[in-house]
């Protein structure tokens, strides 16, 4: 009988973990997933790559990255603030769940890969491919680090300590000299 009880406990433990993993995938990790969802006009968050794709080629890259990060992580209404708070809960759980953490890292990697072509287009192909990849990595990691740092706090979805504010701080540090314009 003890074995059946243990098996039942394992099933109970596995089901919440599976639901959380599906939840993390379903949230599309807010600012990172490119090409998913609708525009802000339709009440959906736009991804970082999608926001940058709207930028004209040749525009100063630093300001474009900062603006896109701010908009991607903004919480202009209760619905998007609640989505950010749900993501914070999932990121907190991911600290102790390797499978959930792997999903988070996979989404970040996919975002970085999509950003490479967007950033290359914004530089009109004039930037060194290594520099393009470094900027894509810095932008993606700025959002990732901001979200992970925020998840460890009780800061609000807007204002000081928010994901948007933290991401801009990260971008300033990682690509600070990039087209200050």
Protein backbone atom coordinates (compact mmCIF):
# COMPACT_ATOMS: atom_id res chain seq x y z
CA UNK A 1 0.00 0.00 0.00
CA UNK A 2 2.87 2.34 0.79
CA UNK A 3 4.13 2.10 -2.81
CA UNK A 4 0.71 3.14 -4.12
CA UNK A 5 0.67 6.11 -1.76
CA UNK A 6 4.14 7.18 -2.90
CA UNK A 7 3.09 6.80 -6.54
CA UNK A 8 0.04 8.95 -5.86
CA UNK A 9 2.21 11.61 -4.26
CA UNK A 10 4.56 11.56 -7.25
CA UNK A 11 1.60 11.96 -9.62
CA UNK A 12 0.37 14.89 -7.54
CA UNK A 13 3.82 16.45 -7.66
CA UNK A 14 4.27 15.84 -11.39
CA UNK A 15 0.93 17.30 -12.42
CA UNK A 16 1.59 20.77 -10.97
CA UNK A 17 5.07 20.78 -12.52
CA UNK A 18 3.62 19.86 -15.91
CA UNK A 19 0.97 22.55 -15.58
CA UNK A 20 3.64 25.11 -14.71
CA UNK A 21 5.75 24.12 -17.71
CA UNK A 22 2.72 24.43 -19.99
CA UNK A 23 1.92 27.74 -18.32
CA UNK A 24 5.39 29.09 -18.96
CA UNK A 25 5.17 28.07 -22.60
CA UNK A 26 1.64 29.47 -22.89
CA UNK A 27 2.64 32.84 -21.46
CA UNK A 28 5.09 33.07 -24.34
CA UNK A 29 7.38 34.71 -21.81
CA UNK A 30 6.06 38.14 -22.56
CA UNK A 31 8.70 40.28 -24.23
CA UNK A 32 10.84 37.53 -25.69
CA UNK A 33 8.71 35.61 -28.16
CA UNK A 34 8.87 37.12 -31.61
CA UNK A 35 6.16 36.77 -34.18
CA UNK A 36 3.52 35.67 -31.71
CA UNK A 37 0.47 37.54 -30.60
CA UNK A 38 -1.06 40.70 -31.96
CA UNK A 39 -0.16 44.33 -31.75
CA UNK A 40 -0.64 46.42 -28.65
CA UNK A 41 -3.71 47.89 -30.34
CA UNK A 42 -5.33 44.48 -29.99
CA UNK A 43 -4.51 44.26 -26.30
CA UNK A 44 -1.55 41.93 -26.62
CA UNK A 45 2.05 42.51 -25.68
CA UNK A 46 4.48 42.85 -28.58
CA UNK A 47 7.82 41.03 -28.42
CA UNK A 48 11.17 42.76 -28.40
CA UNK A 49 12.08 41.57 -31.92
CA UNK A 50 8.68 42.64 -33.25
CA UNK A 51 9.04 46.10 -31.76
CA UNK A 52 12.55 46.49 -33.16
CA UNK A 53 11.38 45.26 -36.57
CA UNK A 54 9.17 48.37 -36.78
CA UNK A 55 12.26 50.59 -36.47
CA UNK A 56 13.59 52.16 -39.65
CA UNK A 57 16.97 50.83 -40.86
CA UNK A 58 19.76 53.22 -40.00
CA UNK A 59 18.00 54.56 -36.89
CA UNK A 60 20.27 54.85 -33.83
CA UNK A 61 20.35 51.35 -32.40
CA UNK A 62 20.82 52.19 -28.71
CA UNK A 63 17.69 54.34 -28.39
CA UNK A 64 15.71 51.85 -30.48
CA UNK A 65 16.71 49.00 -28.16
CA UNK A 66 15.85 51.00 -25.05
CA UNK A 67 12.46 52.04 -26.43
CA UNK A 68 11.63 48.49 -27.52
CA UNK A 69 12.63 47.04 -24.13
CA UNK A 70 10.56 49.63 -22.28
CA UNK A 71 7.52 48.95 -24.45
CA UNK A 72 7.93 45.17 -24.37
CA UNK A 73 8.01 45.18 -20.57
CA UNK A 74 5.49 47.96 -19.96
CA UNK A 75 2.41 47.28 -17.86
CA UNK A 76 -0.04 49.84 -19.24
CA UNK A 77 -3.11 48.10 -17.90
CA UNK A 78 -4.22 45.61 -15.27
CA UNK A 79 -4.20 42.71 -17.72
CA UNK A 80 -0.56 43.09 -18.70
CA UNK A 81 0.46 43.80 -15.09
CA UNK A 82 -1.23 40.55 -14.05
CA UNK A 83 0.58 38.67 -16.84
CA UNK A 84 3.90 40.04 -15.57
CA UNK A 85 3.03 38.97 -12.02
CA UNK A 86 2.17 35.44 -13.24
CA UNK A 87 5.50 35.31 -15.04
CA UNK A 88 7.24 36.41 -11.84
CA UNK A 89 5.65 33.46 -10.03
CA UNK A 90 6.75 31.06 -12.74
CA UNK A 91 10.31 32.41 -12.68
CA UNK A 92 10.39 31.94 -8.92
CA UNK A 93 9.31 28.32 -9.31
CA UNK A 94 11.83 27.84 -12.15
CA UNK A 95 14.69 28.46 -9.72
CA UNK A 96 14.04 25.02 -8.24
CA UNK A 97 12.66 23.27 -11.34
CA UNK A 98 15.34 22.38 -13.92
CA UNK A 99 12.79 21.54 -16.62
CA UNK A 100 10.96 24.82 -16.20
CA UNK A 101 14.26 26.70 -16.13
CA UNK A 102 15.24 24.94 -19.37
CA UNK A 103 12.08 26.27 -21.04
CA UNK A 104 12.96 29.79 -19.90
CA UNK A 105 16.50 29.48 -21.29
CA UNK A 106 15.23 27.97 -24.55
CA UNK A 107 12.85 30.89 -25.09
CA UNK A 108 15.67 33.35 -24.41
CA UNK A 109 17.93 31.59 -26.91
CA UNK A 110 15.21 31.60 -29.56
CA UNK A 111 14.65 35.31 -28.97
CA UNK A 112 18.34 36.04 -29.37
CA UNK A 113 18.45 34.10 -32.63
CA UNK A 114 15.48 36.08 -34.01
CA UNK A 115 17.00 39.38 -32.94
CA UNK A 116 20.15 38.77 -35.00
CA UNK A 117 18.36 39.26 -38.33
CA UNK A 118 16.37 42.23 -37.02
CA UNK A 119 19.48 44.00 -35.74
CA UNK A 120 21.40 43.22 -38.95
CA UNK A 121 18.57 44.85 -40.94
CA UNK A 122 18.57 47.90 -38.65
CA UNK A 123 22.28 48.43 -39.28
CA UNK A 124 21.73 48.15 -43.06
CA UNK A 125 24.18 45.25 -43.05
CA UNK A 126 27.00 47.65 -42.15
CA UNK A 127 27.75 46.11 -38.75
CA UNK A 128 30.17 43.27 -38.28
CA UNK A 129 28.26 39.97 -37.82
CA UNK A 130 30.03 39.45 -34.50
CA UNK A 131 28.84 42.86 -33.27
CA UNK A 132 25.29 42.09 -34.42
CA UNK A 133 25.28 38.85 -32.45
CA UNK A 134 26.73 40.59 -29.39
CA UNK A 135 24.01 43.26 -29.49
CA UNK A 136 21.30 40.59 -29.90
CA UNK A 137 22.73 38.68 -26.94
CA UNK A 138 22.97 41.86 -24.84
CA UNK A 139 19.38 42.86 -25.62
CA UNK A 140 18.00 39.41 -24.86
CA UNK A 141 20.06 39.04 -21.71
CA UNK A 142 19.03 42.50 -20.55
CA UNK A 143 15.41 41.40 -20.61
CA UNK A 144 16.22 38.01 -19.08
CA UNK A 145 18.31 39.46 -16.27
CA UNK A 146 15.72 42.17 -15.62
CA UNK A 147 12.91 39.61 -15.37
CA UNK A 148 14.93 37.25 -13.16
CA UNK A 149 16.06 40.07 -10.89
CA UNK A 150 12.54 41.47 -10.62
CA UNK A 151 11.18 37.99 -9.88
CA UNK A 152 13.33 37.95 -6.74
CA UNK A 153 11.75 41.15 -5.44
CA UNK A 154 8.37 42.50 -4.51
CA UNK A 155 8.73 45.54 -6.80
CA UNK A 156 5.71 46.52 -8.84
CA UNK A 157 5.16 45.86 -12.52
CA UNK A 158 5.75 49.58 -13.15
CA UNK A 159 8.07 52.21 -11.73
CA UNK A 160 11.33 51.76 -9.83
CA UNK A 161 12.54 48.18 -9.82
CA UNK A 162 10.04 47.14 -12.51
CA UNK A 163 11.09 44.85 -15.36
CA UNK A 164 11.13 47.76 -17.82
CA UNK A 165 13.27 49.94 -15.56
CA UNK A 166 15.68 47.07 -14.84
CA UNK A 167 15.95 46.12 -18.52
CA UNK A 168 16.85 49.69 -19.48
CA UNK A 169 19.50 49.74 -16.75
CA UNK A 170 20.91 46.46 -18.08
CA UNK A 171 20.94 47.77 -21.64
CA UNK A 172 22.71 50.93 -20.53
CA UNK A 173 25.43 48.81 -18.93
CA UNK A 174 25.73 46.23 -21.72
CA UNK A 175 25.41 48.49 -24.76
CA UNK A 176 25.71 51.89 -23.09
CA UNK A 177 27.91 53.51 -25.71
CA UNK A 178 25.72 52.44 -28.60
CA UNK A 179 24.25 55.46 -30.40
CA UNK A 180 23.42 57.53 -27.37
CA UNK A 181 21.25 59.75 -29.61
